[in-house]
């Protein structure tokens, strides 16, 4: 019986981490940031609703676009290759995204006051989340889209929605509403979602007005890529469930016969 390793498509250049499609996708992501800057700062007629977002929100908008782009591009970075090369590509892409975020925030700081520690922290966080998204997409490809949607969008919405329901119930304990359970619930749900946590670090304060707690969320966020890598390692060959499109594009010349 042939080993699964024999079905791997060797890359055209063993020292090349990014293929042509990867470079194009990352270039489009960087170009989208330029268009977002144009959309926020200049009221251009051919861009719908341009100028409606205040320029003071430019860092938050750019960070949100880059975080969402990192999540959307993660499945398209997959390739039918062995685990070490996958990890190397994920790390390279993560460094690229962190660098783009750093550059975007440095440019934004010319218009909006931003503290240097917050800029560095958000850039490192964005790179870490990009690495997490790619490892999760490789380890759990079928569930990735649903998990990312629930994690980035569903979790904050659930926090506020459940809080509103509790406060609308007649006879709700005042402790539960003001300083107790429901406030703590909302606070931790906002900390555990990458979208609201990154914004809280950038702003220096959480969306509900509370202080940003770092160590608990960072421990949880660090565990996720480690778990994904362990799942891939247990499969011996990290090529399970790779889509036909991604598998066929693992080399510039196409899949091995």
Foldseek 3Di string as FASTA:
>chain_A
DDDPVVQAFDAPDNPDLDDPVRVVLVVVLLVVLVVVCCQCPPPDPVDPPRVVHHLQCSLLVSLVSLLVSLLVCLLLSDEQFFLVSLLVSQLVVLLVSLVSQLVSVVVSCVPYPFDPVLSNVLSNLSSLSSSLSNLCCLQPVVCSVVVLCCQAPVLLVVLVVVLVVQVPDPPRDPCCNPPDDSVVSNLVSLCQRSSQVSVCSRVQAGPVGHGRDPPVNVVVSVVRSVVSSVSCVVVVGSRPPRDPVRHQVNYVVGGDD
